[in-house]
PDB file of N, CA and C in Angstrom:
ATOM      1  N   MET A   1       5.621 -26.073  12.870  1.00  0.00           N
ATOM      2  CA  MET A   1       5.834 -25.764  11.608  1.00  0.00           C
ATOM      3  C   MET A   1       5.111 -24.349  11.395  1.00  0.00           C
ATOM      4  N   SER A   2       5.793 -23.368  10.957  1.00  0.00           N
ATOM      5  CA  SER A   2       5.361 -21.980  10.957  1.00  0.00           C
ATOM      6  C   SER A   2       4.454 -21.804   9.703  1.00  0.00           C
ATOM      7  N   ALA A   3       3.569 -20.733   9.758  1.00  0.00           N
ATOM      8  CA  ALA A   3       2.783 -20.562   8.700  1.00  0.00           C
ATOM      9  C   ALA A   3       3.599 -19.912   7.391  1.00  0.00           C
ATOM     10  N   MET A   4       4.690 -19.315   7.698  1.00  0.00           N
ATOM     11  CA  MET A   4       5.473 -18.727   6.590  1.00  0.00           C
ATOM     12  C   MET A   4       6.004 -19.763   5.726  1.00  0.00           C
ATOM     13  N   HIS A   5       6.155 -21.051   6.331  1.00  0.00           N
ATOM     14  CA  HIS A   5       6.604 -22.032   5.576  1.00  0.00           C
ATOM     15  C   HIS A   5       5.844 -22.370   4.243  1.00  0.00           C
ATOM     16  N   HIS A   6       4.648 -21.978   4.302  1.00  0.00           N
ATOM     17  CA  HIS A   6       3.695 -22.312   3.128  1.00  0.00           C
ATOM     18  C   HIS A   6       3.518 -21.109   2.199  1.00  0.00           C
ATOM     19  N   ILE A   7       4.218 -20.054   2.505  1.00  0.00           N
ATOM     20  CA  ILE A   7       4.084 -18.790   1.787  1.00  0.00           C
ATOM     21  C   ILE A   7       5.366 -18.712   0.744  1.00  0.00           C
ATOM     22  N   SER A   8       5.020 -18.526  -0.534  1.00  0.00           N
ATOM     23  CA  SER A   8       6.056 -18.336  -1.542  1.00  0.00           C
ATOM     24  C   SER A   8       6.760 -17.217  -1.353  1.00  0.00           C
ATOM     25  N   SER A   9       7.979 -17.255  -1.962  1.00  0.00           N
ATOM     26  CA  SER A   9       8.898 -16.114  -1.877  1.00  0.00           C
ATOM     27  C   SER A   9       8.328 -14.819  -2.486  1.00  0.00           C
ATOM     28  N   ASP A  10       7.458 -14.970  -3.516  1.00  0.00           N
ATOM     29  CA  ASP A  10       6.778 -13.744  -4.154  1.00  0.00           C
ATOM     30  C   ASP A  10       5.813 -13.301  -3.228  1.00  0.00           C
ATOM     31  N   MET A  11       5.001 -14.149  -2.599  1.00  0.00           N
ATOM     32  CA  MET A  11       4.047 -13.681  -1.690  1.00  0.00           C
ATOM     33  C   MET A  11       4.670 -13.098  -0.495  1.00  0.00           C
ATOM     34  N   LYS A  12       5.846 -13.626   0.009  1.00  0.00           N
ATOM     35  CA  LYS A  12       6.478 -13.063   1.101  1.00  0.00           C
ATOM     36  C   LYS A  12       6.960 -11.645   0.844  1.00  0.00           C
ATOM     37  N   SER A  13       7.530 -11.509  -0.465  1.00  0.00           N
ATOM     38  CA  SER A  13       7.934 -10.230  -0.839  1.00  0.00           C
ATOM     39  C   SER A  13       6.824  -9.189  -0.900  1.00  0.00           C
ATOM     40  N   CYS A  14       5.517  -9.727  -1.474  1.00  0.00           N
ATOM     41  CA  CYS A  14       4.486  -8.862  -1.618  1.00  0.00           C
ATOM     42  C   CYS A  14       3.916  -8.396  -0.111  1.00  0.00           C
ATOM     43  N   ILE A  15       3.902  -9.300   0.817  1.00  0.00           N
ATOM     44  CA  ILE A  15       3.550  -8.991   2.184  1.00  0.00           C
ATOM     45  C   ILE A  15       4.420  -7.970   2.739  1.00  0.00           C
ATOM     46  N   ASP A  16       5.842  -8.144   2.581  1.00  0.00           N
ATOM     47  CA  ASP A  16       6.678  -7.141   3.120  1.00  0.00           C
ATOM     48  C   ASP A  16       6.543  -5.781   2.496  1.00  0.00           C
ATOM     49  N   ASN A  17       6.306  -5.744   1.160  1.00  0.00           N
ATOM     50  CA  ASN A  17       5.995  -4.513   0.329  1.00  0.00           C
ATOM     51  C   ASN A  17       4.775  -3.774   0.891  1.00  0.00           C
ATOM     52  N   CYS A  18       3.676  -4.629   1.087  1.00  0.00           N
ATOM     53  CA  CYS A  18       2.427  -4.102   1.573  1.00  0.00           C
ATOM     54  C   CYS A  18       2.536  -3.402   2.993  1.00  0.00           C
ATOM     55  N   LEU A  19       3.201  -4.197   3.950  1.00  0.00           N
ATOM     56  CA  LEU A  19       3.404  -3.652   5.222  1.00  0.00           C
ATOM     57  C   LEU A  19       4.393  -2.473   5.281  1.00  0.00           C
ATOM     58  N   ALA A  20       5.361  -2.481   4.487  1.00  0.00           N
ATOM     59  CA  ALA A  20       6.219  -1.415   4.399  1.00  0.00           C
ATOM     60  C   ALA A  20       5.542  -0.126   3.807  1.00  0.00           C
ATOM     61  N   CYS A  21       4.725  -0.306   2.848  1.00  0.00           N
ATOM     62  CA  CYS A  21       3.898   0.673   2.332  1.00  0.00           C
ATOM     63  C   CYS A  21       2.863   1.301   3.302  1.00  0.00           C
ATOM     64  N   TYR A  22       2.233   0.340   3.947  1.00  0.00           N
ATOM     65  CA  TYR A  22       1.332   0.786   4.991  1.00  0.00           C
ATOM     66  C   TYR A  22       1.910   1.690   5.986  1.00  0.00           C
ATOM     67  N   ALA A  23       3.109   1.146   6.472  1.00  0.00           N
ATOM     68  CA  ALA A  23       3.855   2.076   7.460  1.00  0.00           C
ATOM     69  C   ALA A  23       4.294   3.469   6.782  1.00  0.00           C
ATOM     70  N   GLU A  24       4.841   3.284   5.624  1.00  0.00           N
ATOM     71  CA  GLU A  24       5.261   4.706   5.032  1.00  0.00           C
ATOM     72  C   GLU A  24       4.174   5.620   4.810  1.00  0.00           C
ATOM     73  N   CYS A  25       3.034   4.990   4.192  1.00  0.00           N
ATOM     74  CA  CYS A  25       1.954   5.984   3.950  1.00  0.00           C
ATOM     75  C   CYS A  25       1.263   6.617   5.017  1.00  0.00           C
ATOM     76  N   LEU A  26       1.115   5.764   6.112  1.00  0.00           N
ATOM     77  CA  LEU A  26       0.472   6.281   7.369  1.00  0.00           C
ATOM     78  C   LEU A  26       1.339   7.229   8.058  1.00  0.00           C
ATOM     79  N   SER A  27       2.648   7.048   8.127  1.00  0.00           N
ATOM     80  CA  SER A  27       3.540   8.032   8.781  1.00  0.00           C
ATOM     81  C   SER A  27       3.650   9.237   7.971  1.00  0.00           C
ATOM     82  N   MET A  28       3.753   9.062   6.639  1.00  0.00           N
ATOM     83  CA  MET A  28       3.714  10.304   5.775  1.00  0.00           C
ATOM     84  C   MET A  28       2.469  11.134   5.993  1.00  0.00           C
ATOM     85  N   ALA A  29       1.361  10.372   5.975  1.00  0.00           N
ATOM     86  CA  ALA A  29       0.065  11.158   6.166  1.00  0.00           C
ATOM     87  C   ALA A  29      -0.041  11.927   7.502  1.00  0.00           C
ATOM     88  N   MET A  30       0.272  11.129   8.508  1.00  0.00           N
ATOM     89  CA  MET A  30       0.141  11.671   9.896  1.00  0.00           C
ATOM     90  C   MET A  30       1.238  12.661  10.229  1.00  0.00           C
ATOM     91  N   GLY A  31       2.470  12.501   9.631  1.00  0.00           N
ATOM     92  CA  GLY A  31       3.492  13.504  10.019  1.00  0.00           C
ATOM     93  C   GLY A  31       3.618  14.492   8.925  1.00  0.00           C
ATOM     94  N   HIS A  32       4.133  14.299   7.722  1.00  0.00           N
ATOM     95  CA  HIS A  32       4.536  15.230   6.713  1.00  0.00           C
ATOM     96  C   HIS A  32       3.195  15.939   6.189  1.00  0.00           C
ATOM     97  N   CYS A  33       2.230  15.267   5.778  1.00  0.00           N
ATOM     98  CA  CYS A  33       1.031  15.855   5.259  1.00  0.00           C
ATOM     99  C   CYS A  33       0.195  16.747   6.275  1.00  0.00           C
ATOM    100  N   LEU A  34       0.161  16.344   7.431  1.00  0.00           N
ATOM    101  CA  LEU A  34      -0.508  17.110   8.462  1.00  0.00           C
ATOM    102  C   LEU A  34       0.306  18.433   8.740  1.00  0.00           C
ATOM    103  N   GLU A  35       1.597  18.168   8.773  1.00  0.00           N
ATOM    104  CA  GLU A  35       2.576  19.448   9.004  1.00  0.00           C
ATOM    105  C   GLU A  35       2.395  20.383   7.770  1.00  0.00           C
ATOM    106  N   MET A  36       2.475  19.837   6.663  1.00  0.00           N
ATOM    107  CA  MET A  36       2.437  20.663   5.471  1.00  0.00           C
ATOM    108  C   MET A  36       1.232  21.555   5.160  1.00  0.00           C
ATOM    109  N   GLY A  37       0.008  20.796   5.471  1.00  0.00           N
ATOM    110  CA  GLY A  37      -1.255  21.408   5.103  1.00  0.00           C
ATOM    111  C   GLY A  37      -1.416  21.680   3.618  1.00  0.00           C
ATOM    112  N   GLY A  38      -2.255  22.683   3.210  1.00  0.00           N
ATOM    113  CA  GLY A  38      -2.544  22.797   1.915  1.00  0.00           C
ATOM    114  C   GLY A  38      -3.020  21.695   1.058  1.00  0.00           C
ATOM    115  N   GLU A  39      -2.539  21.440  -0.141  1.00  0.00           N
ATOM    116  CA  GLU A  39      -2.818  20.187  -0.882  1.00  0.00           C
ATOM    117  C   GLU A  39      -2.587  18.924  -0.164  1.00  0.00           C
ATOM    118  N   HIS A  40      -1.628  18.873   0.722  1.00  0.00           N
ATOM    119  CA  HIS A  40      -1.378  17.610   1.476  1.00  0.00           C
ATOM    120  C   HIS A  40      -2.548  17.289   2.244  1.00  0.00           C
ATOM    121  N   THR A  41      -3.316  18.146   2.784  1.00  0.00           N
ATOM    122  CA  THR A  41      -4.473  17.779   3.591  1.00  0.00           C
ATOM    123  C   THR A  41      -5.903  18.004   3.127  1.00  0.00           C
ATOM    124  N   LYS A  42      -5.879  18.337   1.677  1.00  0.00           N
ATOM    125  CA  LYS A  42      -7.240  18.225   1.084  1.00  0.00           C
ATOM    126  C   LYS A  42      -7.846  16.985   1.144  1.00  0.00           C
ATOM    127  N   PRO A  43      -9.223  17.036   1.451  1.00  0.00           N
ATOM    128  CA  PRO A  43      -9.934  15.740   1.715  1.00  0.00           C
ATOM    129  C   PRO A  43      -9.681  14.597   0.710  1.00  0.00           C
ATOM    130  N   ASP A  44      -9.724  14.913  -0.554  1.00  0.00           N
ATOM    131  CA  ASP A  44      -9.524  13.799  -1.601  1.00  0.00           C
ATOM    132  C   ASP A  44      -8.219  13.121  -1.453  1.00  0.00           C
ATOM    133  N   HIS A  45      -7.177  13.849  -1.331  1.00  0.00           N
ATOM    134  CA  HIS A  45      -5.822  13.292  -1.241  1.00  0.00           C
ATOM    135  C   HIS A  45      -5.681  12.511   0.143  1.00  0.00           C
ATOM    136  N   PHE A  46      -6.145  13.213   1.270  1.00  0.00           N
ATOM    137  CA  PHE A  46      -5.938  12.726   2.527  1.00  0.00           C
ATOM    138  C   PHE A  46      -6.766  11.327   2.705  1.00  0.00           C
ATOM    139  N   LYS A  47      -7.978  11.282   2.120  1.00  0.00           N
ATOM    140  CA  LYS A  47      -8.851  10.168   2.207  1.00  0.00           C
ATOM    141  C   LYS A  47      -8.235   8.956   1.404  1.00  0.00           C
ATOM    142  N   LEU A  48      -7.580   9.273   0.167  1.00  0.00           N
ATOM    143  CA  LEU A  48      -7.006   8.282  -0.535  1.00  0.00           C
ATOM    144  C   LEU A  48      -5.909   7.752   0.149  1.00  0.00           C
ATOM    145  N   MET A  49      -4.947   8.542   0.843  1.00  0.00           N
ATOM    146  CA  MET A  49      -3.860   8.035   1.643  1.00  0.00           C
ATOM    147  C   MET A  49      -4.305   7.018   2.780  1.00  0.00           C
ATOM    148  N   MET A  50      -5.481   7.359   3.335  1.00  0.00           N
ATOM    149  CA  MET A  50      -6.034   6.553   4.373  1.00  0.00           C
ATOM    150  C   MET A  50      -6.514   5.241   3.926  1.00  0.00           C
ATOM    151  N   ALA A  51      -7.184   5.394   2.750  1.00  0.00           N
ATOM    152  CA  ALA A  51      -7.785   4.050   2.005  1.00  0.00           C
ATOM    153  C   ALA A  51      -6.500   3.190   1.618  1.00  0.00           C
ATOM    154  N   PHE A  52      -5.592   3.869   0.944  1.00  0.00           N
ATOM    155  CA  PHE A  52      -4.485   3.139   0.628  1.00  0.00           C
ATOM    156  C   PHE A  52      -3.712   2.355   1.647  1.00  0.00           C
ATOM    157  N   ALA A  53      -3.461   3.090   2.879  1.00  0.00           N
ATOM    158  CA  ALA A  53      -2.739   2.473   4.006  1.00  0.00           C
ATOM    159  C   ALA A  53      -3.586   1.233   4.407  1.00  0.00           C
ATOM    160  N   GLU A  54      -4.922   1.412   4.339  1.00  0.00           N
ATOM    161  CA  GLU A  54      -5.731   0.227   4.964  1.00  0.00           C
ATOM    162  C   GLU A  54      -5.762  -0.848   3.983  1.00  0.00           C
ATOM    163  N   ILE A  55      -5.874  -0.695   2.646  1.00  0.00           N
ATOM    164  CA  ILE A  55      -5.895  -1.778   1.712  1.00  0.00           C
ATOM    165  C   ILE A  55      -4.469  -2.528   1.656  1.00  0.00           C
ATOM    166  N   CYS A  56      -3.441  -1.850   1.832  1.00  0.00           N
ATOM    167  CA  CYS A  56      -2.119  -2.463   2.051  1.00  0.00           C
ATOM    168  C   CYS A  56      -2.023  -3.528   3.132  1.00  0.00           C
ATOM    169  N   ARG A  57      -2.516  -2.911   4.407  1.00  0.00           N
ATOM    170  CA  ARG A  57      -2.519  -3.665   5.624  1.00  0.00           C
ATOM    171  C   ARG A  57      -3.507  -4.973   5.386  1.00  0.00           C
ATOM    172  N   THR A  58      -4.655  -4.735   4.765  1.00  0.00           N
ATOM    173  CA  THR A  58      -5.560  -5.703   4.579  1.00  0.00           C
ATOM    174  C   THR A  58      -5.056  -6.724   3.649  1.00  0.00           C
ATOM    175  N   SER A  59      -4.453  -6.327   2.531  1.00  0.00           N
ATOM    176  CA  SER A  59      -3.763  -7.293   1.612  1.00  0.00           C
ATOM    177  C   SER A  59      -2.856  -8.307   2.262  1.00  0.00           C
ATOM    178  N   ALA A  60      -1.922  -7.680   3.017  1.00  0.00           N
ATOM    179  CA  ALA A  60      -0.985  -8.459   3.794  1.00  0.00           C
ATOM    180  C   ALA A  60      -1.590  -9.442   4.699  1.00  0.00           C
ATOM    181  N   HIS A  61      -2.642  -9.003   5.385  1.00  0.00           N
ATOM    182  CA  HIS A  61      -3.536  -9.765   6.283  1.00  0.00           C
ATOM    183  C   HIS A  61      -4.089 -11.065   5.514  1.00  0.00           C
ATOM    184  N   PHE A  62      -4.716 -10.811   4.424  1.00  0.00           N
ATOM    185  CA  PHE A  62      -5.253 -11.757   3.595  1.00  0.00           C
ATOM    186  C   PHE A  62      -4.293 -12.907   3.221  1.00  0.00           C
ATOM    187  N   MET A  63      -3.000 -12.393   2.717  1.00  0.00           N
ATOM    188  CA  MET A  63      -2.148 -13.335   2.381  1.00  0.00           C
ATOM    189  C   MET A  63      -1.489 -14.188   3.556  1.00  0.00           C
ATOM    190  N   LEU A  64      -1.314 -13.408   4.712  1.00  0.00           N
ATOM    191  CA  LEU A  64      -0.874 -14.062   5.882  1.00  0.00           C
ATOM    192  C   LEU A  64      -1.623 -15.209   6.442  1.00  0.00           C
ATOM    193  N   ILE A  65      -3.016 -15.009   6.219  1.00  0.00           N
ATOM    194  CA  ILE A  65      -3.916 -16.053   6.809  1.00  0.00           C
ATOM    195  C   ILE A  65      -4.229 -17.226   5.750  1.00  0.00           C
ATOM    196  N   GLY A  66      -3.720 -16.885   4.480  1.00  0.00           N
ATOM    197  CA  GLY A  66      -3.863 -17.924   3.420  1.00  0.00           C
ATOM    198  C   GLY A  66      -5.168 -17.970   2.828  1.00  0.00           C
ATOM    199  N   SER A  67      -5.839 -16.802   2.769  1.00  0.00           N
ATOM    200  CA  SER A  67      -7.185 -16.693   2.223  1.00  0.00           C
ATOM    201  C   SER A  67      -7.168 -16.725   0.587  1.00  0.00           C
ATOM    202  N   GLU A  68      -7.913 -17.456   0.110  1.00  0.00           N
ATOM    203  CA  GLU A  68      -8.023 -17.409  -1.412  1.00  0.00           C
ATOM    204  C   GLU A  68      -8.410 -16.287  -1.999  1.00  0.00           C
ATOM    205  N   HIS A  69      -9.088 -15.468  -1.132  1.00  0.00           N
ATOM    206  CA  HIS A  69      -9.593 -14.083  -1.433  1.00  0.00           C
ATOM    207  C   HIS A  69      -8.426 -13.151  -1.761  1.00  0.00           C
ATOM    208  N   HIS A  70      -7.289 -13.480  -1.363  1.00  0.00           N
ATOM    209  CA  HIS A  70      -6.139 -12.441  -1.502  1.00  0.00           C
ATOM    210  C   HIS A  70      -5.968 -11.941  -2.808  1.00  0.00           C
ATOM    211  N   ARG A  71      -6.331 -12.848  -3.883  1.00  0.00           N
ATOM    212  CA  ARG A  71      -6.032 -12.297  -5.329  1.00  0.00           C
ATOM    213  C   ARG A  71      -7.053 -11.034  -5.665  1.00  0.00           C
ATOM    214  N   HIS A  72      -8.332 -11.125  -5.114  1.00  0.00           N
ATOM    215  CA  HIS A  72      -9.235  -9.950  -5.362  1.00  0.00           C
ATOM    216  C   HIS A  72      -8.673  -8.740  -4.558  1.00  0.00           C
ATOM    217  N   VAL A  73      -8.363  -8.938  -3.304  1.00  0.00           N
ATOM    218  CA  VAL A  73      -7.901  -7.819  -2.490  1.00  0.00           C
ATOM    219  C   VAL A  73      -6.609  -7.259  -3.073  1.00  0.00           C
ATOM    220  N   CYS A  74      -5.559  -8.159  -3.518  1.00  0.00           N
ATOM    221  CA  CYS A  74      -4.370  -7.603  -4.139  1.00  0.00           C
ATOM    222  C   CYS A  74      -4.653  -6.765  -5.475  1.00  0.00           C
ATOM    223  N   ARG A  75      -5.666  -7.303  -6.226  1.00  0.00           N
ATOM    224  CA  ARG A  75      -5.992  -6.550  -7.478  1.00  0.00           C
ATOM    225  C   ARG A  75      -6.406  -5.239  -7.169  1.00  0.00           C
ATOM    226  N   GLU A  76      -7.321  -4.936  -6.013  1.00  0.00           N
ATOM    227  CA  GLU A  76      -7.819  -3.639  -5.684  1.00  0.00           C
ATOM    228  C   GLU A  76      -6.549  -2.938  -5.010  1.00  0.00           C
ATOM    229  N   CYS A  77      -5.733  -3.618  -4.307  1.00  0.00           N
ATOM    230  CA  CYS A  77      -4.581  -2.877  -3.675  1.00  0.00           C
ATOM    231  C   CYS A  77      -3.714  -2.307  -4.751  1.00  0.00           C
ATOM    232  N   ALA A  78      -3.380  -3.108  -5.817  1.00  0.00           N
ATOM    233  CA  ALA A  78      -2.468  -2.567  -6.865  1.00  0.00           C
ATOM    234  C   ALA A  78      -3.204  -1.313  -7.559  1.00  0.00           C
ATOM    235  N   GLU A  79      -4.558  -1.384  -7.791  1.00  0.00           N
ATOM    236  CA  GLU A  79      -5.234  -0.147  -8.267  1.00  0.00           C
ATOM    237  C   GLU A  79      -5.183   1.038  -7.485  1.00  0.00           C
ATOM    238  N   ILE A  80      -5.449   0.929  -6.233  1.00  0.00           N
ATOM    239  CA  ILE A  80      -5.309   1.970  -5.411  1.00  0.00           C
ATOM    240  C   ILE A  80      -3.957   2.398  -5.151  1.00  0.00           C
ATOM    241  N   CYS A  81      -2.871   1.657  -5.146  1.00  0.00           N
ATOM    242  CA  CYS A  81      -1.566   2.032  -4.952  1.00  0.00           C
ATOM    243  C   CYS A  81      -1.100   2.994  -6.128  1.00  0.00           C
ATOM    244  N   ARG A  82      -1.571   2.631  -7.338  1.00  0.00           N
ATOM    245  CA  ARG A  82      -1.191   3.404  -8.446  1.00  0.00           C
ATOM    246  C   ARG A  82      -1.808   4.757  -8.353  1.00  0.00           C
ATOM    247  N   GLU A  83      -3.088   4.706  -8.006  1.00  0.00           N
ATOM    248  CA  GLU A  83      -3.790   6.010  -7.783  1.00  0.00           C
ATOM    249  C   GLU A  83      -3.222   6.901  -6.764  1.00  0.00           C
ATOM    250  N   CYS A  84      -2.709   6.345  -5.670  1.00  0.00           N
ATOM    251  CA  CYS A  84      -2.197   6.911  -4.533  1.00  0.00           C
ATOM    252  C   CYS A  84      -0.764   7.433  -4.920  1.00  0.00           C
ATOM    253  N   ALA A  85       0.058   6.690  -5.660  1.00  0.00           N
ATOM    254  CA  ALA A  85       1.343   7.110  -6.129  1.00  0.00           C
ATOM    255  C   ALA A  85       1.222   8.338  -7.156  1.00  0.00           C
ATOM    256  N   ASP A  86       0.253   8.276  -8.050  1.00  0.00           N
ATOM    257  CA  ASP A  86       0.102   9.375  -9.010  1.00  0.00           C
ATOM    258  C   ASP A  86      -0.371  10.718  -8.120  1.00  0.00           C
ATOM    259  N   ASP A  87      -1.105  10.500  -7.290  1.00  0.00           N
ATOM    260  CA  ASP A  87      -1.660  11.727  -6.377  1.00  0.00           C
ATOM    261  C   ASP A  87      -0.593  12.244  -5.618  1.00  0.00           C
ATOM    262  N   CYS A  88       0.231  11.362  -4.875  1.00  0.00           N
ATOM    263  CA  CYS A  88       1.338  11.869  -4.125  1.00  0.00           C
ATOM    264  C   CYS A  88       2.387  12.557  -4.865  1.00  0.00           C
ATOM    265  N   GLU A  89       2.568  12.111  -6.187  1.00  0.00           N
ATOM    266  CA  GLU A  89       3.449  12.660  -7.132  1.00  0.00           C
ATOM    267  C   GLU A  89       2.976  14.073  -7.449  1.00  0.00           C
ATOM    268  N   ARG A  90       1.639  14.211  -7.657  1.00  0.00           N
ATOM    269  CA  ARG A  90       1.012  15.454  -8.057  1.00  0.00           C
ATOM    270  C   ARG A  90       1.204  16.430  -6.973  1.00  0.00           C
ATOM    271  N   VAL A  91       0.933  16.000  -5.644  1.00  0.00           N
ATOM    272  CA  VAL A  91       1.032  16.956  -4.479  1.00  0.00           C
ATOM    273  C   VAL A  91       2.526  17.365  -4.333  1.00  0.00           C
ATOM    274  N   GLY A  92       3.343  16.462  -4.509  1.00  0.00           N
ATOM    275  CA  GLY A  92       4.846  16.762  -4.388  1.00  0.00           C
ATOM    276  C   GLY A  92       5.425  16.552  -3.134  1.00  0.00           C
ATOM    277  N   ASP A  93       6.665  16.354  -3.095  1.00  0.00           N
ATOM    278  CA  ASP A  93       7.539  16.318  -1.954  1.00  0.00           C
ATOM    279  C   ASP A  93       7.127  15.099  -1.067  1.00  0.00           C
ATOM    280  N   MET A  94       6.792  13.993  -1.765  1.00  0.00           N
ATOM    281  CA  MET A  94       6.450  12.756  -1.146  1.00  0.00           C
ATOM    282  C   MET A  94       7.080  11.556  -1.829  1.00  0.00           C
ATOM    283  N   GLN A  95       8.278  11.629  -2.269  1.00  0.00           N
ATOM    284  CA  GLN A  95       8.918  10.643  -3.180  1.00  0.00           C
ATOM    285  C   GLN A  95       8.968   9.310  -2.533  1.00  0.00           C
ATOM    286  N   THR A  96       9.325   9.245  -1.238  1.00  0.00           N
ATOM    287  CA  THR A  96       9.254   7.994  -0.461  1.00  0.00           C
ATOM    288  C   THR A  96       8.050   7.064  -0.556  1.00  0.00           C
ATOM    289  N   CYS A  97       6.974   7.954  -0.421  1.00  0.00           N
ATOM    290  CA  CYS A  97       5.579   7.289  -0.429  1.00  0.00           C
ATOM    291  C   CYS A  97       5.326   6.919  -1.943  1.00  0.00           C
ATOM    292  N   VAL A  98       5.636   7.725  -2.989  1.00  0.00           N
ATOM    293  CA  VAL A  98       5.391   7.365  -4.292  1.00  0.00           C
ATOM    294  C   VAL A  98       6.194   5.977  -4.604  1.00  0.00           C
ATOM    295  N   ASP A  99       7.419   5.941  -4.221  1.00  0.00           N
ATOM    296  CA  ASP A  99       8.295   4.796  -4.530  1.00  0.00           C
ATOM    297  C   ASP A  99       7.621   3.532  -3.795  1.00  0.00           C
ATOM    298  N   ALA A 100       7.230   3.780  -2.617  1.00  0.00           N
ATOM    299  CA  ALA A 100       6.530   2.618  -1.848  1.00  0.00           C
ATOM    300  C   ALA A 100       5.323   2.110  -2.458  1.00  0.00           C
ATOM    301  N   CYS A 101       4.435   2.985  -2.893  1.00  0.00           N
ATOM    302  CA  CYS A 101       3.257   2.759  -3.590  1.00  0.00           C
ATOM    303  C   CYS A 101       3.562   1.928  -4.806  1.00  0.00           C
ATOM    304  N   ARG A 102       4.496   2.323  -5.628  1.00  0.00           N
ATOM    305  CA  ARG A 102       4.750   1.688  -6.878  1.00  0.00           C
ATOM    306  C   ARG A 102       5.223   0.225  -6.813  1.00  0.00           C
ATOM    307  N   ARG A 103       6.180   0.062  -5.598  1.00  0.00           N
ATOM    308  CA  ARG A 103       6.629  -1.310  -5.363  1.00  0.00           C
ATOM    309  C   ARG A 103       5.445  -2.210  -5.017  1.00  0.00           C
ATOM    310  N   CYS A 104       4.643  -1.619  -4.117  1.00  0.00           N
ATOM    311  CA  CYS A 104       3.427  -2.347  -3.639  1.00  0.00           C
ATOM    312  C   CYS A 104       2.534  -2.615  -4.657  1.00  0.00           C
ATOM    313  N   ALA A 105       2.428  -1.721  -5.589  1.00  0.00           N
ATOM    314  CA  ALA A 105       1.433  -1.944  -6.865  1.00  0.00           C
ATOM    315  C   ALA A 105       2.108  -3.111  -7.762  1.00  0.00           C
ATOM    316  N   ASP A 106       3.245  -3.040  -7.929  1.00  0.00           N
ATOM    317  CA  ASP A 106       3.825  -4.067  -8.804  1.00  0.00           C
ATOM    318  C   ASP A 106       3.774  -5.512  -8.186  1.00  0.00           C
ATOM    319  N   SER A 107       4.118  -5.685  -6.932  1.00  0.00           N
ATOM    320  CA  SER A 107       4.143  -6.927  -6.264  1.00  0.00           C
ATOM    321  C   SER A 107       2.572  -7.487  -6.105  1.00  0.00           C
ATOM    322  N   SER A 108       1.634  -6.496  -5.842  1.00  0.00           N
ATOM    323  CA  SER A 108       0.254  -6.821  -5.605  1.00  0.00           C
ATOM    324  C   SER A 108      -0.339  -7.209  -6.947  1.00  0.00           C
ATOM    325  N   GLN A 109       0.106  -6.642  -7.944  1.00  0.00           N
ATOM    326  CA  GLN A 109      -0.423  -6.967  -9.398  1.00  0.00           C
ATOM    327  C   GLN A 109       0.014  -8.519  -9.499  1.00  0.00           C
ATOM    328  N   ARG A 110       1.223  -8.926  -9.218  1.00  0.00           N
ATOM    329  CA  ARG A 110       1.659 -10.225  -9.439  1.00  0.00           C
ATOM    330  C   ARG A 110       0.835 -11.201  -8.644  1.00  0.00           C
ATOM    331  N   MET A 111       0.557 -10.804  -7.538  1.00  0.00           N
ATOM    332  CA  MET A 111      -0.234 -11.724  -6.514  1.00  0.00           C
ATOM    333  C   MET A 111      -1.733 -11.842  -6.952  1.00  0.00           C
ATOM    334  N   ALA A 112      -2.117 -10.882  -7.668  1.00  0.00           N
ATOM    335  CA  ALA A 112      -3.552 -10.937  -8.240  1.00  0.00           C
ATOM    336  C   ALA A 112      -3.729 -11.913  -9.485  1.00  0.00           C
ATOM    337  N   ALA A 113      -2.560 -12.130 -10.100  1.00  0.00           N
ATOM    338  CA  ALA A 113      -2.690 -12.826 -11.280  1.00  0.00           C
ATOM    339  C   ALA A 113      -3.094 -14.413 -11.114  1.00  0.00           C
TER     340      ALA A 113
END
């Protein structure tokens, strides 16, 4: 019996959103932002993107292992996702990251409830 058998469809969706967001944010930061420079690589923005990518990966991990603490981690993930979405929108030319952040924030918020 696989571990996924015990994961609800909402949680599976959240895991998928978190992992997709992790990949999108990390590749956006390491590719697009580093190439663009300027606002894209200012420490506050870049650190936020790195923190955001890591909390997404961590949230997915907590849900995959079935930790009861996933609610706390998902709550924090949703908060950081919203902050990152707003900042990526402010910097501009990062719409795929903004969209991924907002999807992840919404599903993480549902998992935190």
